[in-house]
Amino acid sequence: MVRPWSDLKNKNAATQHVTSSSKEPVMYNKILVPLDGSKRAEAILPHAEEMANRYGAEIIFLRVEELFVMLEWDEVVNLENCREKFDARKKTSEAYLSLLKTEFRDKGIRADARVVHGPVVKSILTAAEDMDVDILLMASHGLGGLRRTFYGSVTAGVLQKIDRPLLIIRTRRME
């Protein structure tokens, strides 16, 4: 649900929060940070930390796992093998996000982590709505032209359909 700025300014005073450095209403209480495990995606983390500290917001780290079934023309699907690989990726993702959550909590920032499954863009949009987050923070890999068309862009897909604020930072190639 889109919340106009006038609604944010006119919320009941009992539900408003203020930062320690000002008496202005806090616009962001929940921040969703989708990550894919890459260093390039992690470039958004300093921005997330800054915003969480500034607004006293909770950070929710999100990782989306897709169930991949790749077949050659004459292969039979081995669902058990697919499920085992998916479960292993999910456990790896949970461990990765748990480390981030602990790191942020150690810095005094409220943090949570979720691993969801499904198509990436749709899963991010659904999580944002279900968790009623105030803003999403994402890094863009900066792909353009044919590469973006061929590979697709999660950030561009989210940008096209999101119903709430989205902060995008462009990253450079990282090793």
Protein backbone atom coordinates (compact mmCIF):
# COMPACT_ATOMS: atom_id res chain seq x y z
CA MET A 1 0.00 0.00 0.00
CA VAL A 2 1.39 3.40 -0.98
CA ARG A 3 1.40 5.86 1.90
CA PRO A 4 1.44 9.50 0.84
CA TRP A 5 3.79 11.83 2.68
CA SER A 6 0.80 13.67 4.20
CA ASP A 7 -0.27 10.40 5.84
CA LEU A 8 3.21 9.94 7.30
CA LYS A 9 3.27 13.49 8.67
CA ASN A 10 -0.20 13.21 10.18
CA LYS A 11 0.12 9.84 11.91
CA ASN A 12 -1.05 9.68 15.47
CA ALA A 13 1.70 11.11 17.70
CA ALA A 14 1.70 7.93 19.78
CA THR A 15 2.91 5.94 16.78
CA GLN A 16 5.56 8.40 15.63
CA HIS A 17 9.20 7.90 16.45
CA VAL A 18 11.86 10.56 16.55
CA THR A 19 15.57 10.31 16.05
CA SER A 20 17.89 11.21 18.89
CA SER A 21 19.37 14.09 16.90
CA SER A 22 16.10 15.73 15.84
CA LYS A 23 12.43 15.94 16.67
CA GLU A 24 11.28 15.07 13.15
CA PRO A 25 9.06 12.04 12.52
CA VAL A 26 10.99 8.99 11.39
CA MET A 27 10.05 7.96 7.88
CA TYR A 28 11.68 4.53 7.94
CA ASN A 29 11.04 1.97 10.66
CA LYS A 30 11.64 -1.19 8.59
CA ILE A 31 14.26 -1.45 5.87
CA LEU A 32 14.36 -4.44 3.51
CA VAL A 33 17.77 -5.32 2.07
CA PRO A 34 17.62 -8.09 -0.56
CA LEU A 35 21.02 -9.71 -1.13
CA ASP A 36 22.32 -12.36 -3.50
CA GLY A 37 25.55 -13.10 -1.61
CA SER A 38 27.80 -11.17 -3.97
CA LYS A 39 30.25 -8.46 -2.91
CA ARG A 40 28.57 -6.13 -5.37
CA ALA A 41 25.18 -6.58 -3.68
CA GLU A 42 26.83 -6.08 -0.28
CA ALA A 43 27.90 -2.58 -1.35
CA ILE A 44 24.49 -1.46 -0.05
CA LEU A 45 25.32 -2.52 3.53
CA PRO A 46 27.06 0.72 4.64
CA HIS A 47 24.00 2.64 3.44
CA ALA A 48 21.69 0.27 5.32
CA GLU A 49 23.76 0.68 8.48
CA GLU A 50 23.69 4.48 8.19
CA MET A 51 19.92 4.59 7.67
CA ALA A 52 19.24 2.14 10.50
CA ASN A 53 21.35 4.23 12.86
CA ARG A 54 19.84 7.52 11.71
CA TYR A 55 16.22 6.40 12.02
CA GLY A 56 16.47 3.69 14.67
CA ALA A 57 15.09 1.35 12.01
CA GLU A 58 15.09 -2.43 11.83
CA ILE A 59 16.98 -4.02 8.96
CA ILE A 60 15.53 -7.15 7.39
CA PHE A 61 18.00 -9.03 5.22
CA LEU A 62 16.35 -11.08 2.47
CA ARG A 63 17.68 -13.79 0.21
CA VAL A 64 15.59 -15.45 -2.48
CA GLU A 65 16.32 -19.00 -3.53
CA GLU A 66 14.90 -20.31 -6.77
CA LEU A 67 14.26 -23.97 -7.48
CA PHE A 68 16.19 -24.63 -10.68
CA VAL A 69 15.35 -27.57 -12.90
CA MET A 70 17.67 -27.68 -15.89
CA LEU A 71 17.07 -30.44 -18.41
CA GLU A 72 18.64 -31.65 -21.59
CA TRP A 73 16.19 -32.71 -24.27
CA ASP A 74 16.22 -36.39 -23.29
CA GLU A 75 16.68 -36.18 -19.51
CA VAL A 76 14.24 -37.28 -16.83
CA VAL A 77 13.80 -34.93 -13.87
CA ASN A 78 15.36 -36.19 -10.67
CA LEU A 79 13.25 -34.21 -8.19
CA GLU A 80 15.06 -35.66 -5.20
CA ASN A 81 18.39 -34.38 -6.50
CA CYS A 82 16.87 -30.95 -7.24
CA ARG A 83 15.38 -30.79 -3.73
CA GLU A 84 18.70 -31.75 -2.10
CA LYS A 85 20.56 -29.04 -4.00
CA PHE A 86 17.85 -26.49 -3.16
CA ASP A 87 17.96 -27.41 0.55
CA ALA A 88 21.76 -27.09 0.57
CA ARG A 89 21.55 -23.62 -1.04
CA LYS A 90 18.87 -22.61 1.46
CA LYS A 91 21.05 -23.66 4.42
CA THR A 92 23.99 -21.73 2.97
CA SER A 93 21.77 -18.66 2.54
CA GLU A 94 20.46 -18.94 6.10
CA ALA A 95 24.01 -19.12 7.46
CA TYR A 96 25.08 -16.14 5.35
CA LEU A 97 22.18 -13.98 6.51
CA SER A 98 22.62 -15.10 10.11
CA LEU A 99 26.18 -13.75 10.06
CA LEU A 100 24.98 -10.40 8.72
CA LYS A 101 22.20 -10.26 11.28
CA THR A 102 24.66 -10.93 14.10
CA GLU A 103 27.11 -8.35 12.75
CA PHE A 104 24.42 -5.65 12.68
CA ARG A 105 23.01 -6.62 16.08
CA ASP A 106 26.52 -6.37 17.53
CA LYS A 107 26.51 -2.75 16.30
CA GLY A 108 23.26 -2.10 18.17
CA ILE A 109 21.00 -2.31 15.11
CA ARG A 110 17.79 -4.31 15.19
CA ALA A 111 18.15 -6.93 12.47
CA ASP A 112 16.29 -9.93 11.14
CA ALA A 113 16.88 -12.30 8.24
CA ARG A 114 14.58 -14.24 5.93
CA VAL A 115 15.16 -16.75 3.18
CA VAL A 116 12.25 -17.14 0.79
CA HIS A 117 11.81 -19.13 -2.40
CA GLY A 118 10.29 -18.35 -5.75
CA PRO A 119 10.91 -16.01 -8.67
CA VAL A 120 13.31 -13.34 -7.41
CA VAL A 121 11.52 -10.10 -8.30
CA LYS A 122 8.10 -11.36 -7.30
CA SER A 123 9.47 -12.76 -4.03
CA ILE A 124 11.12 -9.44 -3.13
CA LEU A 125 7.91 -7.52 -3.87
CA THR A 126 5.81 -9.99 -1.88
CA ALA A 127 8.21 -9.86 1.08
CA ALA A 128 8.15 -6.05 1.07
CA GLU A 129 4.37 -6.07 1.21
CA ASP A 130 4.01 -8.94 3.71
CA MET A 131 6.56 -7.42 6.10
CA ASP A 132 5.16 -3.90 5.58
CA VAL A 133 8.62 -2.41 5.07
CA ASP A 134 9.01 1.31 4.57
CA ILE A 135 11.89 1.25 2.06
CA LEU A 136 14.02 -1.20 0.09
CA LEU A 137 17.75 -0.77 -0.35
CA MET A 138 19.42 -2.48 -3.31
CA ALA A 139 22.63 -2.33 -5.27
CA SER A 140 22.50 -2.31 -9.03
CA HIS A 141 25.22 -4.08 -10.91
CA GLY A 142 25.04 -1.38 -13.53
CA LEU A 143 24.50 -3.70 -16.48
CA GLY A 144 23.14 -1.96 -19.52
CA GLY A 145 22.20 -2.54 -23.10
CA LEU A 146 22.23 -6.08 -24.44
CA ARG A 147 23.71 -7.62 -21.27
CA ARG A 148 20.82 -6.30 -19.16
CA THR A 149 18.26 -7.42 -21.74
CA PHE A 150 19.78 -10.89 -21.97
CA TYR A 151 20.45 -11.53 -18.29
CA GLY A 152 17.62 -9.45 -16.86
CA SER A 153 17.96 -7.17 -13.90
CA VAL A 154 16.43 -7.85 -10.51
CA THR A 155 16.81 -4.22 -9.50
CA ALA A 156 15.16 -2.99 -12.69
CA GLY A 157 12.32 -5.49 -12.20
CA VAL A 158 11.74 -4.34 -8.63
CA LEU A 159 11.93 -0.69 -9.67
CA GLN A 160 9.22 -1.21 -12.29
CA LYS A 161 6.72 -2.73 -9.83
CA ILE A 162 7.49 -1.51 -6.31
CA ASP A 163 4.85 0.46 -4.43
CA ARG A 164 7.17 2.04 -1.84
CA PRO A 165 10.49 3.92 -1.75
CA LEU A 166 13.53 2.19 -3.22
CA LEU A 167 17.13 3.33 -2.76
CA ILE A 168 19.42 2.02 -5.49
CA ILE A 169 23.16 2.47 -5.50
CA ARG A 170 25.17 1.63 -8.58
CA THR A 171 28.19 -0.54 -7.97
CA ARG A 172 31.31 -1.00 -10.00
CA ARG A 173 32.90 -4.30 -10.86
CA MET A 174 34.23 -5.90 -7.68
CA GLU A 175 36.54 -8.86 -7.52
